Protein backbone atom coordinates (compact mmCIF):
# COMPACT_ATOMS: atom_id res chain seq x y z
CA ILE A 1 -1.49 -11.89 28.53
CA ALA A 2 0.13 -13.51 25.42
CA PHE A 3 -1.96 -13.96 22.28
CA ASP A 4 -1.79 -16.11 19.15
CA ASP A 5 -3.98 -14.71 16.50
CA ALA A 6 -6.14 -12.89 19.20
CA VAL A 7 -6.46 -16.16 21.25
CA PRO A 8 -5.08 -16.03 24.64
CA VAL A 9 -2.25 -18.68 25.09
CA GLY A 10 -0.51 -17.43 28.22
CA LEU A 11 -0.70 -15.19 31.18
CA ALA A 12 1.25 -14.11 34.23
CA SER A 13 0.83 -11.45 36.96
CA GLY A 14 3.40 -9.45 38.94
CA VAL A 15 2.40 -8.15 42.36
CA PRO A 16 4.46 -6.36 45.00
CA SER A 17 5.23 -8.65 47.90
CA ALA A 18 2.96 -8.23 50.84
CA ASP A 19 5.90 -9.32 53.15
CA ASP A 20 8.89 -7.74 51.67
CA PRO A 21 9.10 -4.27 49.86
CA ASP A 22 12.36 -5.45 48.05
CA SER A 23 10.43 -8.25 46.33
CA VAL A 24 7.87 -8.72 43.60
CA GLU A 25 5.99 -11.98 43.13
CA LEU A 26 5.29 -13.62 39.80
CA ILE A 27 2.07 -15.30 40.16
CA SER A 28 -0.48 -17.11 38.08
CA MET A 29 1.85 -18.06 35.35
CA TRP A 30 0.05 -20.31 32.83
CA VAL A 31 0.77 -21.22 29.12
CA HIS A 32 -1.71 -23.22 27.15
CA PRO A 33 -0.36 -26.72 26.72
CA ALA A 34 -0.57 -26.44 22.84
CA ALA A 35 1.52 -23.32 22.99
CA ARG A 36 4.34 -24.62 25.31
CA GLY A 37 8.01 -24.69 24.11
CA GLN A 38 7.37 -21.57 21.92
CA GLY A 39 8.97 -18.97 24.16
CA ILE A 40 5.69 -17.65 25.60
CA ALA A 41 6.75 -18.22 29.24
CA ARG A 42 10.01 -16.46 28.41
CA SER A 43 8.11 -13.44 26.98
CA LEU A 44 5.77 -13.15 29.98
CA ILE A 45 8.68 -13.37 32.41
CA ILE A 46 10.45 -10.67 30.49
CA ALA A 47 7.35 -8.42 30.63
CA ILE A 48 6.93 -9.00 34.39
CA THR A 49 10.68 -8.29 34.91
CA ARG A 50 10.66 -5.07 32.99
CA TRP A 51 7.63 -3.95 35.07
CA ALA A 52 9.35 -5.01 38.30
CA VAL A 53 12.68 -3.33 37.49
CA ALA A 54 10.70 -0.09 36.86
CA SER A 55 9.03 -0.50 40.34
CA GLY A 56 12.25 -0.62 42.10
CA PRO A 57 12.41 -3.91 43.96
CA LEU A 58 15.65 -5.89 44.21
CA TRP A 59 14.31 -9.46 43.27
CA LEU A 60 11.47 -11.31 41.59
CA GLU A 61 10.28 -14.28 43.48
CA LEU A 62 7.70 -17.04 42.57
CA SER A 63 6.44 -20.45 43.84
CA VAL A 64 6.27 -23.60 41.83
CA MET A 65 4.87 -26.90 42.47
CA PRO A 66 7.63 -29.40 43.50
CA ASP A 67 6.84 -31.93 40.75
CA ASN A 68 6.52 -29.40 37.85
CA ASP A 69 10.04 -30.06 36.42
CA ALA A 70 9.22 -28.35 33.14
CA ALA A 71 8.30 -25.16 34.80
CA ARG A 72 11.32 -25.26 37.16
CA ARG A 73 13.66 -25.70 34.13
CA ALA A 74 12.00 -22.82 32.36
CA TYR A 75 12.30 -20.64 35.42
CA GLU A 76 16.05 -21.60 35.79
CA ARG A 77 16.68 -20.78 32.18
CA MET A 78 15.42 -17.24 33.00
CA GLY A 79 17.86 -16.97 36.00
CA PHE A 80 15.77 -18.06 38.89
CA THR A 81 17.27 -20.38 41.53
CA ALA A 82 15.71 -22.04 44.50
CA ALA A 83 15.65 -19.47 47.34
CA GLU A 84 16.68 -20.19 50.95
CA THR A 85 13.30 -18.95 51.93
CA PRO A 86 11.17 -21.67 53.44
CA GLU A 87 8.90 -23.48 50.96
CA HIS A 88 5.11 -22.59 50.89
CA PRO A 89 3.12 -25.40 52.41
CA LEU A 90 0.14 -26.63 50.17
CA GLN A 91 -3.13 -28.18 51.26
CA ASP A 92 -2.03 -31.67 50.42
CA SER A 93 1.01 -31.73 52.60
CA ARG A 94 3.55 -30.95 49.86
CA HIS A 95 5.56 -27.69 49.73
CA ALA A 96 5.80 -25.33 46.74
CA VAL A 97 9.40 -24.47 45.88
CA VAL A 98 10.27 -20.79 46.17
CA MET A 99 12.45 -19.48 43.40
CA ARG A 100 14.09 -15.96 43.17
CA ARG A 101 15.84 -13.99 40.47
CA ASP A 102 17.79 -10.77 41.34
CA LEU A 103 16.68 -7.73 39.26
CA PRO A 104 19.10 -5.30 37.60
CA PRO A 105 19.28 -1.82 39.16
């Protein structure tokens, strides 16, 4: 959780992948609209990456809504690229884009 004067302004979680022991999933990324563009997403991704590296997986993976261009750009700036993994189907017939970043050893 990221705070600004004790007020939560962002959160993200990292969880081991249920499908792949070499992967950790970054889930539930959220930054308050008023706090966007201030490096909070970057800080959260760095924290999850540090935890993931200490856990031993080879990559960090996430899913992002296909029309969320701002989030996709933020993830790309942090080294994520669209994965060859099939996109996750959503209830409204769209597909979330799977993005992946290699983790350092």
